[in-house]
Amino acid sequence: MCALAPWTPEGEPVEPVRGRTVLIAHGTDDVRTRPEASLAYATRAEPVAARLARVELAGERHAMLRRPAMWRRLVVDVTARALNARPPGEGPATARGVELPGAVDALDRVWCDPAPGRLSISL
């Protein structure tokens, strides 16, 4: 599951992420959905998720227009991993043998960092 600049109000249930691998990505300058709220949600959800990481994209706003390639790379990498096309640390992302360009190697580090640091990775 990949949540980009998610709306995570106080009290948002964490049960939907139970047993799932979750990446939350949020721009630090988002004023529509607060990055602090996604951090609070990540902190609550981390104990029930199979794996959960949260990254912050410095200077990015809600529209995701400042660094669109980074947002796209995050989604491609998380999707490839969900399809077992790219285990961490095993080269470029592939799907059915076709390389997916621009996969984020930084996510290898994201998944290995211990919580709570894994919930505030800066990209």
N, C-alpha and C. Protein backbone atom coordinates (compact mmCIF):
# COMPACT_ATOMS: atom_id res chain seq x y z
N MET A 1 0.85 -1.15 0.00
CA MET A 1 0.00 0.00 0.00
C MET A 1 0.90 1.23 0.00
N CYS A 2 0.59 2.17 -0.87
CA CYS A 2 1.37 3.40 -0.96
C CYS A 2 0.40 4.57 -0.79
N ALA A 3 0.59 5.36 0.25
CA ALA A 3 -0.28 6.50 0.53
C ALA A 3 0.49 7.78 0.27
N LEU A 4 0.04 8.56 -0.72
CA LEU A 4 0.71 9.80 -1.08
C LEU A 4 -0.06 10.97 -0.51
N ALA A 5 0.58 11.76 0.35
CA ALA A 5 -0.04 12.93 0.99
C ALA A 5 -1.44 12.57 1.51
N PRO A 6 -1.54 11.54 2.33
CA PRO A 6 -2.86 11.04 2.72
C PRO A 6 -3.59 11.94 3.71
N TRP A 7 -4.90 11.86 3.66
CA TRP A 7 -5.75 12.51 4.64
C TRP A 7 -5.87 11.53 5.80
N THR A 8 -5.25 11.86 6.91
CA THR A 8 -5.23 10.96 8.07
C THR A 8 -5.62 11.75 9.32
N PRO A 9 -6.91 12.04 9.46
CA PRO A 9 -7.34 12.81 10.63
C PRO A 9 -7.13 12.04 11.93
N GLU A 10 -7.12 12.77 13.02
CA GLU A 10 -6.98 12.14 14.33
C GLU A 10 -8.08 11.08 14.49
N GLY A 11 -7.70 9.92 14.95
CA GLY A 11 -8.66 8.85 15.16
C GLY A 11 -8.89 7.97 13.94
N GLU A 12 -8.22 8.26 12.83
CA GLU A 12 -8.34 7.41 11.63
C GLU A 12 -7.96 5.98 12.02
N PRO A 13 -8.81 5.00 11.72
CA PRO A 13 -8.52 3.63 12.15
C PRO A 13 -7.28 3.05 11.47
N VAL A 14 -6.53 2.28 12.22
CA VAL A 14 -5.33 1.63 11.68
C VAL A 14 -5.60 0.20 11.24
N GLU A 15 -6.75 -0.31 11.54
CA GLU A 15 -7.08 -1.70 11.20
C GLU A 15 -6.93 -2.01 9.70
N PRO A 16 -7.25 -1.08 8.79
CA PRO A 16 -7.09 -1.39 7.35
C PRO A 16 -5.65 -1.72 6.93
N VAL A 17 -4.65 -1.32 7.72
CA VAL A 17 -3.26 -1.62 7.33
C VAL A 17 -2.70 -2.84 8.06
N ARG A 18 -3.52 -3.47 8.88
CA ARG A 18 -3.04 -4.65 9.63
C ARG A 18 -2.47 -5.69 8.68
N GLY A 19 -1.23 -6.10 8.96
CA GLY A 19 -0.58 -7.15 8.18
C GLY A 19 -0.11 -6.73 6.79
N ARG A 20 -0.19 -5.46 6.47
CA ARG A 20 0.20 -4.98 5.14
C ARG A 20 1.53 -4.25 5.18
N THR A 21 2.18 -4.20 4.03
CA THR A 21 3.36 -3.36 3.86
C THR A 21 2.86 -2.00 3.39
N VAL A 22 3.25 -0.94 4.11
CA VAL A 22 2.72 0.39 3.86
C VAL A 22 3.86 1.39 3.73
N LEU A 23 3.79 2.22 2.70
CA LEU A 23 4.67 3.37 2.57
C LEU A 23 3.80 4.61 2.54
N ILE A 24 4.07 5.54 3.44
CA ILE A 24 3.40 6.83 3.46
C ILE A 24 4.42 7.86 3.01
N ALA A 25 4.06 8.68 2.03
CA ALA A 25 4.94 9.75 1.55
C ALA A 25 4.20 11.07 1.67
N HIS A 26 4.89 12.07 2.22
CA HIS A 26 4.24 13.36 2.45
C HIS A 26 5.23 14.48 2.20
N GLY A 27 4.78 15.53 1.53
CA GLY A 27 5.60 16.72 1.34
C GLY A 27 5.64 17.54 2.61
N THR A 28 6.80 18.11 2.91
CA THR A 28 6.94 18.87 4.15
C THR A 28 6.18 20.19 4.12
N ASP A 29 5.85 20.71 2.93
CA ASP A 29 5.15 21.99 2.81
C ASP A 29 3.67 21.82 2.45
N ASP A 30 3.13 20.64 2.65
CA ASP A 30 1.72 20.38 2.35
C ASP A 30 0.85 21.11 3.37
N VAL A 31 -0.07 21.96 2.89
CA VAL A 31 -0.98 22.67 3.80
C VAL A 31 -2.41 22.12 3.72
N ARG A 32 -2.68 21.25 2.76
CA ARG A 32 -4.02 20.65 2.64
C ARG A 32 -4.17 19.44 3.56
N THR A 33 -3.20 18.57 3.55
CA THR A 33 -3.17 17.45 4.49
C THR A 33 -1.85 17.56 5.23
N ARG A 34 -1.93 17.69 6.51
CA ARG A 34 -0.75 18.00 7.32
C ARG A 34 0.21 16.81 7.45
N PRO A 35 1.50 17.06 7.20
CA PRO A 35 2.50 16.01 7.38
C PRO A 35 2.53 15.48 8.82
N GLU A 36 2.26 16.35 9.78
CA GLU A 36 2.26 15.93 11.18
C GLU A 36 1.17 14.88 11.44
N ALA A 37 0.05 15.01 10.72
CA ALA A 37 -1.04 14.05 10.89
C ALA A 37 -0.65 12.68 10.33
N SER A 38 0.05 12.67 9.18
CA SER A 38 0.46 11.36 8.65
C SER A 38 1.53 10.72 9.52
N LEU A 39 2.36 11.54 10.16
CA LEU A 39 3.36 11.00 11.10
C LEU A 39 2.65 10.39 12.31
N ALA A 40 1.64 11.08 12.83
CA ALA A 40 0.89 10.54 13.97
C ALA A 40 0.21 9.23 13.58
N TYR A 41 -0.36 9.19 12.38
CA TYR A 41 -1.01 7.96 11.91
C TYR A 41 0.02 6.83 11.76
N ALA A 42 1.16 7.15 11.16
CA ALA A 42 2.21 6.14 10.97
C ALA A 42 2.67 5.57 12.32
N THR A 43 2.78 6.43 13.30
CA THR A 43 3.20 6.00 14.64
C THR A 43 2.18 5.04 15.24
N ARG A 44 0.89 5.34 15.04
CA ARG A 44 -0.17 4.46 15.56
C ARG A 44 -0.27 3.16 14.76
N ALA A 45 -0.06 3.24 13.45
CA ALA A 45 -0.26 2.08 12.57
C ALA A 45 0.93 1.14 12.53
N GLU A 46 2.11 1.63 12.81
CA GLU A 46 3.33 0.83 12.68
C GLU A 46 3.27 -0.49 13.45
N PRO A 47 2.73 -0.52 14.66
CA PRO A 47 2.69 -1.80 15.38
C PRO A 47 1.80 -2.87 14.75
N VAL A 48 0.80 -2.47 13.95
CA VAL A 48 -0.11 -3.47 13.38
C VAL A 48 0.23 -3.82 11.93
N ALA A 49 0.97 -2.97 11.26
CA ALA A 49 1.35 -3.23 9.86
C ALA A 49 2.45 -4.29 9.81
N ALA A 50 2.51 -5.02 8.70
CA ALA A 50 3.62 -5.96 8.52
C ALA A 50 4.93 -5.18 8.46
N ARG A 51 4.95 -4.13 7.67
CA ARG A 51 6.06 -3.18 7.59
C ARG A 51 5.45 -1.82 7.28
N LEU A 52 5.99 -0.79 7.88
CA LEU A 52 5.51 0.56 7.59
C LEU A 52 6.69 1.51 7.61
N ALA A 53 6.75 2.34 6.59
CA ALA A 53 7.76 3.39 6.53
C ALA A 53 7.06 4.66 6.05
N ARG A 54 7.63 5.79 6.41
CA ARG A 54 7.08 7.09 6.00
C ARG A 54 8.24 7.96 5.56
N VAL A 55 8.10 8.56 4.38
CA VAL A 55 9.13 9.45 3.87
C VAL A 55 8.57 10.85 3.73
N GLU A 56 9.45 11.84 3.91
CA GLU A 56 9.09 13.24 3.75
C GLU A 56 9.86 13.80 2.57
N LEU A 57 9.16 14.44 1.66
CA LEU A 57 9.80 15.07 0.50
C LEU A 57 9.91 16.56 0.80
N ALA A 58 11.13 17.01 1.03
CA ALA A 58 11.40 18.38 1.45
C ALA A 58 10.88 19.38 0.42
N GLY A 59 10.14 20.38 0.90
CA GLY A 59 9.66 21.46 0.07
C GLY A 59 8.48 21.12 -0.82
N GLU A 60 8.02 19.89 -0.78
CA GLU A 60 6.92 19.46 -1.66
C GLU A 60 5.58 19.83 -1.05
N ARG A 61 4.65 20.24 -1.92
CA ARG A 61 3.29 20.58 -1.49
C ARG A 61 2.33 19.46 -1.86
N HIS A 62 1.05 19.69 -1.61
CA HIS A 62 0.04 18.64 -1.81
C HIS A 62 -0.09 18.20 -3.27
N ALA A 63 0.09 19.12 -4.20
CA ALA A 63 -0.11 18.79 -5.62
C ALA A 63 0.99 17.89 -6.19
N MET A 64 2.08 17.71 -5.47
CA MET A 64 3.17 16.80 -5.87
C MET A 64 3.80 17.22 -7.20
N LEU A 65 3.88 18.51 -7.45
CA LEU A 65 4.38 19.00 -8.73
C LEU A 65 5.85 19.41 -8.71
N ARG A 66 6.42 19.64 -7.56
CA ARG A 66 7.81 20.09 -7.49
C ARG A 66 8.78 18.98 -7.88
N ARG A 67 8.52 17.76 -7.43
CA ARG A 67 9.38 16.61 -7.71
C ARG A 67 8.54 15.42 -8.17
N PRO A 68 7.83 15.56 -9.29
CA PRO A 68 6.93 14.48 -9.71
C PRO A 68 7.65 13.16 -9.97
N ALA A 69 8.87 13.22 -10.45
CA ALA A 69 9.61 11.98 -10.73
C ALA A 69 9.85 11.18 -9.45
N MET A 70 10.10 11.86 -8.35
CA MET A 70 10.33 11.16 -7.08
C MET A 70 9.06 10.46 -6.60
N TRP A 71 7.92 11.14 -6.71
CA TRP A 71 6.65 10.51 -6.32
C TRP A 71 6.42 9.26 -7.16
N ARG A 72 6.62 9.40 -8.47
CA ARG A 72 6.42 8.28 -9.39
C ARG A 72 7.37 7.13 -9.04
N ARG A 73 8.63 7.45 -8.75
CA ARG A 73 9.61 6.42 -8.41
C ARG A 73 9.22 5.68 -7.13
N LEU A 74 8.69 6.41 -6.16
CA LEU A 74 8.24 5.76 -4.93
C LEU A 74 7.14 4.75 -5.22
N VAL A 75 6.15 5.16 -6.01
CA VAL A 75 5.03 4.27 -6.34
C VAL A 75 5.51 3.06 -7.13
N VAL A 76 6.38 3.27 -8.11
CA VAL A 76 6.90 2.15 -8.92
C VAL A 76 7.63 1.16 -8.03
N ASP A 77 8.48 1.66 -7.14
CA ASP A 77 9.26 0.76 -6.30
C ASP A 77 8.37 -0.03 -5.34
N VAL A 78 7.44 0.65 -4.69
CA VAL A 78 6.56 -0.04 -3.75
C VAL A 78 5.71 -1.07 -4.48
N THR A 79 5.22 -0.72 -5.67
CA THR A 79 4.40 -1.65 -6.45
C THR A 79 5.23 -2.86 -6.89
N ALA A 80 6.44 -2.62 -7.36
CA ALA A 80 7.31 -3.73 -7.77
C ALA A 80 7.59 -4.67 -6.61
N ARG A 81 7.82 -4.10 -5.44
CA ARG A 81 8.07 -4.94 -4.26
C ARG A 81 6.82 -5.73 -3.89
N ALA A 82 5.65 -5.09 -4.00
CA ALA A 82 4.40 -5.78 -3.66
C ALA A 82 4.15 -6.96 -4.60
N LEU A 83 4.63 -6.83 -5.83
CA LEU A 83 4.48 -7.91 -6.81
C LEU A 83 5.64 -8.90 -6.74
N ASN A 84 6.49 -8.74 -5.73
CA ASN A 84 7.69 -9.56 -5.58
C ASN A 84 8.60 -9.47 -6.78
N ALA A 85 8.56 -8.33 -7.47
CA ALA A 85 9.42 -8.14 -8.62
C ALA A 85 10.77 -7.58 -8.21
N ARG A 86 10.88 -7.06 -7.01
CA ARG A 86 12.15 -6.50 -6.58
C ARG A 86 12.32 -6.63 -5.07
N PRO A 87 12.89 -7.72 -4.60
CA PRO A 87 13.21 -7.80 -3.18
C PRO A 87 14.26 -6.76 -2.82
N PRO A 88 14.25 -6.24 -1.59
CA PRO A 88 15.24 -5.24 -1.19
C PRO A 88 16.66 -5.71 -1.45
N GLY A 89 17.47 -4.82 -2.02
CA GLY A 89 18.88 -5.09 -2.23
C GLY A 89 19.20 -5.97 -3.41
N GLU A 90 18.25 -6.22 -4.30
CA GLU A 90 18.50 -7.13 -5.41
C GLU A 90 18.40 -6.45 -6.77
N GLY A 91 19.05 -5.31 -6.93
CA GLY A 91 19.13 -4.67 -8.24
C GLY A 91 17.89 -3.91 -8.63
N PRO A 92 17.83 -3.52 -9.91
CA PRO A 92 16.74 -2.67 -10.37
C PRO A 92 15.40 -3.38 -10.33
N ALA A 93 14.36 -2.58 -10.17
CA ALA A 93 13.01 -3.14 -10.13
C ALA A 93 12.65 -3.71 -11.49
N THR A 94 11.99 -4.86 -11.47
CA THR A 94 11.53 -5.46 -12.72
C THR A 94 10.11 -5.95 -12.54
N ALA A 95 9.39 -6.01 -13.61
CA ALA A 95 8.06 -6.61 -13.62
C ALA A 95 7.99 -7.48 -14.86
N ARG A 96 7.80 -8.78 -14.64
CA ARG A 96 7.80 -9.74 -15.75
C ARG A 96 9.07 -9.63 -16.58
N GLY A 97 10.18 -9.41 -15.91
CA GLY A 97 11.47 -9.38 -16.59
C GLY A 97 11.82 -8.06 -17.25
N VAL A 98 10.92 -7.08 -17.22
CA VAL A 98 11.19 -5.77 -17.83
C VAL A 98 11.64 -4.82 -16.74
N GLU A 99 12.79 -4.18 -16.94
CA GLU A 99 13.30 -3.26 -15.94
C GLU A 99 12.41 -2.03 -15.83
N LEU A 100 12.12 -1.63 -14.59
CA LEU A 100 11.36 -0.41 -14.33
C LEU A 100 12.36 0.67 -13.97
N PRO A 101 12.64 1.62 -14.87
CA PRO A 101 13.69 2.60 -14.63
C PRO A 101 13.37 3.51 -13.46
N GLY A 102 14.42 3.92 -12.75
CA GLY A 102 14.28 4.91 -11.70
C GLY A 102 13.78 4.40 -10.37
N ALA A 103 13.87 3.12 -10.11
CA ALA A 103 13.43 2.61 -8.81
C ALA A 103 14.28 3.23 -7.72
N VAL A 104 13.68 3.46 -6.57
CA VAL A 104 14.34 4.20 -5.50
C VAL A 104 15.16 3.26 -4.62
N ASP A 105 16.49 3.30 -4.79
CA ASP A 105 17.36 2.48 -3.95
C ASP A 105 17.29 2.91 -2.50
N ALA A 106 16.93 4.18 -2.26
CA ALA A 106 16.82 4.67 -0.88
C ALA A 106 15.78 3.88 -0.10
N LEU A 107 14.81 3.28 -0.77
CA LEU A 107 13.81 2.50 -0.05
C LEU A 107 14.41 1.27 0.60
N ASP A 108 15.52 0.76 0.06
CA ASP A 108 16.19 -0.35 0.73
C ASP A 108 16.56 0.08 2.15
N ARG A 109 17.07 1.30 2.27
CA ARG A 109 17.45 1.84 3.58
C ARG A 109 16.20 2.10 4.42
N VAL A 110 15.15 2.62 3.80
CA VAL A 110 13.92 2.94 4.52
C VAL A 110 13.38 1.71 5.24
N TRP A 111 13.32 0.59 4.54
CA TRP A 111 12.74 -0.60 5.14
C TRP A 111 13.64 -1.20 6.21
N CYS A 112 14.93 -0.90 6.18
CA CYS A 112 15.87 -1.48 7.16
C CYS A 112 16.06 -0.62 8.39
N ASP A 113 15.77 0.68 8.30
CA ASP A 113 15.93 1.56 9.46
C ASP A 113 14.95 1.15 10.56
N PRO A 114 15.38 1.23 11.82
CA PRO A 114 14.46 0.90 12.91
C PRO A 114 13.45 2.03 13.15
N ALA A 115 12.28 1.69 13.65
CA ALA A 115 11.32 2.72 14.08
C ALA A 115 11.89 3.32 15.36
N PRO A 116 11.66 4.58 15.67
CA PRO A 116 10.81 5.51 14.95
C PRO A 116 11.48 6.22 13.78
N GLY A 117 12.78 6.05 13.59
CA GLY A 117 13.47 6.72 12.49
C GLY A 117 12.89 6.38 11.13
N ARG A 118 12.38 5.18 10.97
CA ARG A 118 11.80 4.73 9.71
C ARG A 118 10.52 5.51 9.38
N LEU A 119 9.99 6.25 10.33
CA LEU A 119 8.75 6.98 10.11
C LEU A 119 8.98 8.43 9.69
N SER A 120 10.23 8.86 9.61
CA SER A 120 10.55 10.25 9.22
C SER A 120 11.78 10.30 8.34
N ILE A 121 11.83 9.52 7.29
CA ILE A 121 12.96 9.50 6.36
C ILE A 121 12.83 10.69 5.41
N SER A 122 13.87 11.48 5.27
CA SER A 122 13.85 12.63 4.37
C SER A 122 14.42 12.26 3.01
N LEU A 123 13.72 12.62 1.94
CA LEU A 123 14.19 12.41 0.57
C LEU A 123 14.27 13.75 -0.13
